[in-house]
């Protein structure tokens, strides 16, 4: 087992456990640093086509296609500018519900985000 800074693994585990208890006792919240969910635009398709996320999540749309695309919510809650190749669009979802979206330049391109409470 690999050692952290020369400390035995048991000592490292005890330190981590102690810090976790101290944070909990202080009433602090620790949020894990997870990557924002991503929707890739490629070959005239949003992938994944359906995405489920909790309220407060920021979703990132990446255009990996060779031509511009947009991301437009049918309920008008968000709308991107035209995204060139390698551009991205971020939207933070603040209320629960289903959001259908499409590309205004290519209306057959559609997707859905389900936002849970």
N, C-alpha and C. Protein backbone atom coordinates (compact mmCIF):
# COMPACT_ATOMS: atom_id res chain seq x y z
N UNK A 1 0.84 -1.17 0.00
CA UNK A 1 0.00 0.00 0.00
C UNK A 1 0.89 1.24 0.00
N UNK A 2 0.55 2.21 -0.77
CA UNK A 2 1.34 3.43 -0.90
C UNK A 2 1.14 4.32 0.32
N UNK A 3 2.20 4.95 0.75
CA UNK A 3 2.12 5.81 1.92
C UNK A 3 1.98 7.27 1.49
N UNK A 4 1.26 8.03 2.28
CA UNK A 4 1.08 9.45 2.03
C UNK A 4 2.10 10.20 2.85
N UNK A 5 3.08 10.83 2.20
CA UNK A 5 4.08 11.61 2.91
C UNK A 5 4.85 10.80 3.94
N UNK A 6 4.98 9.52 3.73
CA UNK A 6 5.72 8.67 4.65
C UNK A 6 4.90 8.17 5.83
N UNK A 7 3.67 8.65 5.98
CA UNK A 7 2.83 8.21 7.11
C UNK A 7 2.26 6.83 6.82
N UNK A 8 2.20 5.98 7.84
CA UNK A 8 1.58 4.66 7.64
C UNK A 8 0.11 4.82 7.25
N UNK A 9 -0.41 3.90 6.43
CA UNK A 9 -1.80 3.99 5.97
C UNK A 9 -2.82 4.13 7.10
N UNK A 10 -2.59 3.46 8.23
CA UNK A 10 -3.52 3.56 9.35
C UNK A 10 -3.57 4.99 9.88
N UNK A 11 -2.43 5.65 9.96
CA UNK A 11 -2.40 7.04 10.44
C UNK A 11 -3.17 7.95 9.50
N UNK A 12 -3.01 7.75 8.22
CA UNK A 12 -3.73 8.56 7.24
C UNK A 12 -5.23 8.34 7.39
N UNK A 13 -5.65 7.10 7.54
CA UNK A 13 -7.08 6.80 7.71
C UNK A 13 -7.63 7.45 8.97
N UNK A 14 -6.86 7.42 10.06
CA UNK A 14 -7.31 8.04 11.31
C UNK A 14 -7.40 9.56 11.17
N UNK A 15 -6.47 10.16 10.47
CA UNK A 15 -6.51 11.61 10.24
C UNK A 15 -7.74 11.99 9.44
N UNK A 16 -8.01 11.26 8.37
CA UNK A 16 -9.18 11.54 7.53
C UNK A 16 -10.46 11.36 8.34
N UNK A 17 -10.55 10.29 9.12
CA UNK A 17 -11.74 10.06 9.94
C UNK A 17 -11.91 11.17 10.97
N UNK A 18 -10.81 11.59 11.58
CA UNK A 18 -10.88 12.67 12.57
C UNK A 18 -11.34 13.98 11.96
N UNK A 19 -10.82 14.31 10.79
CA UNK A 19 -11.24 15.54 10.11
C UNK A 19 -12.71 15.48 9.73
N UNK A 20 -13.15 14.33 9.27
CA UNK A 20 -14.56 14.16 8.90
C UNK A 20 -15.46 14.38 10.11
N UNK A 21 -15.09 13.82 11.25
CA UNK A 21 -15.88 14.00 12.48
C UNK A 21 -15.87 15.45 12.93
N UNK A 22 -14.73 16.12 12.84
CA UNK A 22 -14.63 17.52 13.25
C UNK A 22 -15.51 18.40 12.37
N UNK A 23 -15.52 18.14 11.08
CA UNK A 23 -16.37 18.91 10.16
C UNK A 23 -17.84 18.68 10.49
N UNK A 24 -18.22 17.44 10.73
CA UNK A 24 -19.61 17.12 11.05
C UNK A 24 -20.01 17.76 12.38
N UNK A 25 -19.13 17.72 13.38
CA UNK A 25 -19.43 18.30 14.69
C UNK A 25 -19.59 19.81 14.60
N UNK A 26 -18.87 20.43 13.70
CA UNK A 26 -18.96 21.88 13.53
C UNK A 26 -20.19 22.28 12.73
N UNK A 27 -20.91 21.30 12.20
CA UNK A 27 -22.11 21.60 11.42
C UNK A 27 -21.81 22.11 10.03
N UNK A 28 -20.63 21.86 9.55
CA UNK A 28 -20.25 22.30 8.21
C UNK A 28 -20.67 21.27 7.18
N UNK A 29 -20.92 21.73 5.99
CA UNK A 29 -21.28 20.84 4.89
C UNK A 29 -20.09 20.74 3.95
N UNK A 30 -19.78 19.54 3.57
CA UNK A 30 -18.70 19.33 2.60
C UNK A 30 -19.33 18.86 1.31
N UNK A 31 -19.03 19.54 0.22
CA UNK A 31 -19.56 19.15 -1.08
C UNK A 31 -18.44 18.54 -1.90
N UNK A 32 -18.69 17.38 -2.42
CA UNK A 32 -17.69 16.73 -3.27
C UNK A 32 -17.54 17.50 -4.56
N UNK A 33 -16.36 17.53 -5.09
CA UNK A 33 -16.10 18.23 -6.33
C UNK A 33 -16.29 17.27 -7.50
N UNK A 34 -17.52 17.15 -7.94
CA UNK A 34 -17.83 16.31 -9.09
C UNK A 34 -17.92 17.19 -10.32
N UNK A 35 -17.58 16.64 -11.44
CA UNK A 35 -17.68 17.40 -12.68
C UNK A 35 -19.14 17.66 -13.02
N UNK A 36 -19.39 18.83 -13.61
CA UNK A 36 -20.75 19.14 -14.06
C UNK A 36 -21.15 18.15 -15.15
N UNK A 37 -22.43 17.73 -15.16
CA UNK A 37 -22.88 16.85 -16.24
C UNK A 37 -22.74 17.54 -17.59
N UNK A 38 -22.38 16.79 -18.60
CA UNK A 38 -22.14 17.35 -19.93
C UNK A 38 -23.05 16.69 -20.95
N UNK A 39 -23.50 17.52 -21.89
CA UNK A 39 -24.23 17.04 -23.06
C UNK A 39 -23.36 17.39 -24.25
N UNK A 40 -23.00 16.38 -25.03
CA UNK A 40 -22.16 16.59 -26.20
C UNK A 40 -23.03 16.75 -27.44
N UNK A 41 -22.68 17.73 -28.26
CA UNK A 41 -23.36 17.93 -29.54
C UNK A 41 -22.41 17.43 -30.62
N UNK A 42 -22.82 16.38 -31.33
CA UNK A 42 -22.00 15.81 -32.39
C UNK A 42 -22.90 15.06 -33.37
N UNK A 43 -22.58 15.15 -34.64
CA UNK A 43 -23.35 14.45 -35.68
C UNK A 43 -24.84 14.77 -35.61
N UNK A 44 -25.15 16.05 -35.37
CA UNK A 44 -26.54 16.52 -35.31
C UNK A 44 -27.34 15.81 -34.22
N UNK A 45 -26.68 15.52 -33.09
CA UNK A 45 -27.33 14.81 -31.99
C UNK A 45 -26.86 15.38 -30.66
N UNK A 46 -27.79 15.48 -29.69
CA UNK A 46 -27.44 15.78 -28.31
C UNK A 46 -27.24 14.44 -27.61
N UNK A 47 -26.12 14.29 -26.91
CA UNK A 47 -25.86 13.02 -26.24
C UNK A 47 -25.33 13.28 -24.82
N UNK A 48 -26.00 12.77 -23.78
CA UNK A 48 -27.19 11.93 -23.87
C UNK A 48 -28.41 12.75 -24.27
N UNK A 49 -29.37 12.07 -24.88
CA UNK A 49 -30.60 12.74 -25.30
C UNK A 49 -31.48 13.10 -24.13
N UNK A 50 -31.48 12.26 -23.10
CA UNK A 50 -32.22 12.51 -21.86
C UNK A 50 -31.22 12.51 -20.71
N UNK A 51 -31.39 13.48 -19.82
CA UNK A 51 -30.48 13.63 -18.68
C UNK A 51 -31.32 13.93 -17.45
N UNK A 52 -31.01 13.29 -16.32
CA UNK A 52 -31.70 13.56 -15.06
C UNK A 52 -30.69 14.11 -14.06
N UNK A 53 -31.02 15.29 -13.48
CA UNK A 53 -30.12 15.96 -12.53
C UNK A 53 -30.94 16.58 -11.41
N UNK A 54 -30.33 16.83 -10.24
CA UNK A 54 -31.05 17.52 -9.17
C UNK A 54 -31.07 19.04 -9.39
N UNK A 55 -32.03 19.70 -8.75
CA UNK A 55 -32.11 21.16 -8.79
C UNK A 55 -30.77 21.74 -8.35
N UNK A 56 -30.36 22.82 -8.99
CA UNK A 56 -29.10 23.49 -8.66
C UNK A 56 -27.92 23.03 -9.47
N UNK A 57 -28.12 22.02 -10.31
CA UNK A 57 -27.04 21.49 -11.14
C UNK A 57 -26.77 22.41 -12.32
N UNK A 58 -25.50 22.56 -12.66
CA UNK A 58 -25.10 23.25 -13.88
C UNK A 58 -24.81 22.19 -14.93
N UNK A 59 -25.49 22.30 -16.06
CA UNK A 59 -25.28 21.38 -17.18
C UNK A 59 -24.46 22.11 -18.23
N UNK A 60 -23.47 21.42 -18.78
CA UNK A 60 -22.60 22.00 -19.80
C UNK A 60 -22.89 21.32 -21.13
N UNK A 61 -23.14 22.14 -22.15
CA UNK A 61 -23.34 21.65 -23.52
C UNK A 61 -22.06 21.95 -24.29
N UNK A 62 -21.44 20.91 -24.87
CA UNK A 62 -20.21 21.05 -25.65
C UNK A 62 -20.50 20.80 -27.12
N UNK A 63 -20.14 21.74 -27.99
CA UNK A 63 -20.33 21.51 -29.42
C UNK A 63 -19.07 20.86 -29.99
N UNK A 64 -19.16 19.58 -30.26
CA UNK A 64 -18.07 18.84 -30.89
C UNK A 64 -18.34 18.59 -32.37
N UNK A 65 -19.33 19.29 -32.91
CA UNK A 65 -19.68 19.14 -34.32
C UNK A 65 -18.88 20.13 -35.15
N UNK A 66 -18.89 19.95 -36.47
CA UNK A 66 -18.14 20.82 -37.37
C UNK A 66 -18.90 22.07 -37.76
N UNK A 67 -20.14 22.19 -37.31
CA UNK A 67 -20.96 23.35 -37.67
C UNK A 67 -21.61 23.91 -36.41
N UNK A 68 -22.09 25.16 -36.47
CA UNK A 68 -22.72 25.77 -35.30
C UNK A 68 -24.04 25.11 -34.92
N UNK A 69 -24.34 25.16 -33.63
CA UNK A 69 -25.60 24.68 -33.08
C UNK A 69 -26.02 25.63 -31.96
N UNK A 70 -27.29 25.57 -31.59
CA UNK A 70 -27.79 26.30 -30.43
C UNK A 70 -28.45 25.31 -29.47
N UNK A 71 -28.72 25.79 -28.27
CA UNK A 71 -29.46 25.02 -27.28
C UNK A 71 -30.57 25.93 -26.76
N UNK A 72 -31.83 25.56 -27.05
CA UNK A 72 -32.97 26.41 -26.71
C UNK A 72 -34.01 25.59 -25.96
N UNK A 73 -34.39 26.04 -24.77
CA UNK A 73 -35.45 25.37 -24.01
C UNK A 73 -36.79 25.76 -24.59
N UNK A 74 -37.68 24.78 -24.75
CA UNK A 74 -39.00 25.08 -25.31
C UNK A 74 -39.82 25.95 -24.36
N UNK A 75 -39.51 25.91 -23.05
CA UNK A 75 -40.22 26.76 -22.10
C UNK A 75 -39.56 28.14 -21.95
N UNK A 76 -38.56 28.39 -22.79
CA UNK A 76 -37.83 29.67 -22.83
C UNK A 76 -37.00 29.96 -21.57
N UNK A 77 -36.71 28.95 -20.78
CA UNK A 77 -35.93 29.16 -19.56
C UNK A 77 -34.44 29.38 -19.85
N UNK A 78 -33.97 28.95 -21.01
CA UNK A 78 -32.59 29.25 -21.42
C UNK A 78 -32.49 29.19 -22.93
N UNK A 79 -31.47 29.90 -23.43
CA UNK A 79 -31.20 29.94 -24.87
C UNK A 79 -29.73 30.31 -25.06
N UNK A 80 -29.01 29.50 -25.80
CA UNK A 80 -27.61 29.81 -26.07
C UNK A 80 -27.49 30.65 -27.33
N UNK A 81 -26.36 31.26 -27.48
CA UNK A 81 -25.98 31.84 -28.76
C UNK A 81 -25.55 30.68 -29.65
N UNK A 82 -25.28 30.94 -30.90
CA UNK A 82 -24.75 29.89 -31.79
C UNK A 82 -23.39 29.45 -31.25
N UNK A 83 -23.24 28.16 -31.08
CA UNK A 83 -22.01 27.59 -30.56
C UNK A 83 -21.17 27.06 -31.71
N UNK A 84 -19.99 27.62 -31.89
CA UNK A 84 -19.08 27.09 -32.90
C UNK A 84 -18.41 25.83 -32.37
N UNK A 85 -17.65 25.16 -33.21
CA UNK A 85 -16.93 23.96 -32.81
C UNK A 85 -16.07 24.26 -31.59
N UNK A 86 -16.13 23.42 -30.60
CA UNK A 86 -15.42 23.48 -29.31
C UNK A 86 -16.00 24.51 -28.33
N UNK A 87 -17.03 25.27 -28.72
CA UNK A 87 -17.67 26.19 -27.78
C UNK A 87 -18.52 25.39 -26.80
N UNK A 88 -18.77 26.00 -25.63
CA UNK A 88 -19.65 25.37 -24.66
C UNK A 88 -20.64 26.39 -24.12
N UNK A 89 -21.76 25.87 -23.64
CA UNK A 89 -22.83 26.67 -23.04
C UNK A 89 -23.17 26.03 -21.71
N UNK A 90 -23.27 26.86 -20.66
CA UNK A 90 -23.58 26.37 -19.31
C UNK A 90 -24.92 26.94 -18.87
N UNK A 91 -25.72 26.10 -18.24
CA UNK A 91 -26.98 26.55 -17.68
C UNK A 91 -27.17 25.89 -16.31
N UNK A 92 -27.53 26.72 -15.31
CA UNK A 92 -27.82 26.21 -13.98
C UNK A 92 -29.33 26.08 -13.84
N UNK A 93 -29.77 24.90 -13.47
CA UNK A 93 -31.20 24.58 -13.41
C UNK A 93 -31.71 24.79 -11.99
N UNK A 94 -32.63 25.76 -11.83
CA UNK A 94 -33.02 26.21 -10.49
C UNK A 94 -34.39 25.74 -10.03
N UNK A 95 -35.14 25.04 -10.89
CA UNK A 95 -36.42 24.50 -10.42
C UNK A 95 -36.68 23.13 -11.02
N UNK A 96 -37.43 22.34 -10.27
CA UNK A 96 -37.72 20.97 -10.68
C UNK A 96 -38.70 20.95 -11.85
N UNK A 97 -38.59 19.92 -12.66
CA UNK A 97 -39.50 19.74 -13.79
C UNK A 97 -38.78 19.16 -14.99
N UNK A 98 -39.50 19.03 -16.08
CA UNK A 98 -38.93 18.52 -17.33
C UNK A 98 -38.72 19.68 -18.29
N UNK A 99 -37.53 19.73 -18.87
CA UNK A 99 -37.21 20.78 -19.83
C UNK A 99 -36.86 20.13 -21.16
N UNK A 100 -37.69 20.34 -22.15
CA UNK A 100 -37.38 19.90 -23.50
C UNK A 100 -36.57 21.01 -24.16
N UNK A 101 -35.59 20.62 -24.98
CA UNK A 101 -34.78 21.61 -25.67
C UNK A 101 -34.48 21.14 -27.08
N UNK A 102 -34.02 22.07 -27.92
CA UNK A 102 -33.73 21.76 -29.31
C UNK A 102 -32.68 22.73 -29.83
N UNK A 103 -32.20 22.46 -31.04
CA UNK A 103 -31.29 23.37 -31.74
C UNK A 103 -32.14 24.20 -32.68
N UNK A 104 -32.10 25.53 -32.54
CA UNK A 104 -32.93 26.38 -33.39
C UNK A 104 -32.46 26.38 -34.84
N UNK A 105 -31.21 26.00 -35.08
CA UNK A 105 -30.69 25.93 -36.45
C UNK A 105 -31.05 24.61 -37.11
N UNK A 106 -31.29 23.59 -36.30
CA UNK A 106 -31.61 22.24 -36.78
C UNK A 106 -32.69 21.67 -35.87
N UNK A 107 -33.95 22.09 -36.04
CA UNK A 107 -35.02 21.77 -35.09
C UNK A 107 -35.30 20.29 -34.85
N UNK A 108 -34.79 19.41 -35.70
CA UNK A 108 -34.97 17.97 -35.44
C UNK A 108 -34.05 17.46 -34.34
N UNK A 109 -33.08 18.28 -33.98
CA UNK A 109 -32.18 17.93 -32.87
C UNK A 109 -32.90 18.29 -31.57
N UNK A 110 -33.20 17.30 -30.75
CA UNK A 110 -33.94 17.54 -29.51
C UNK A 110 -33.33 16.77 -28.35
N UNK A 111 -33.65 17.21 -27.16
CA UNK A 111 -33.23 16.52 -25.94
C UNK A 111 -34.13 16.90 -24.79
N UNK A 112 -33.90 16.26 -23.65
CA UNK A 112 -34.73 16.53 -22.46
C UNK A 112 -33.86 16.46 -21.22
N UNK A 113 -34.12 17.38 -20.30
CA UNK A 113 -33.49 17.34 -18.98
C UNK A 113 -34.60 17.20 -17.96
N UNK A 114 -34.48 16.21 -17.09
CA UNK A 114 -35.43 16.03 -15.99
C UNK A 114 -34.72 16.53 -14.74
N UNK A 115 -35.29 17.58 -14.13
CA UNK A 115 -34.69 18.20 -12.94
C UNK A 115 -35.50 17.74 -11.73
N UNK A 116 -34.83 17.04 -10.82
CA UNK A 116 -35.51 16.49 -9.64
C UNK A 116 -35.31 17.41 -8.44
N UNK A 117 -36.28 17.40 -7.51
CA UNK A 117 -36.16 18.26 -6.31
C UNK A 117 -35.00 17.87 -5.42
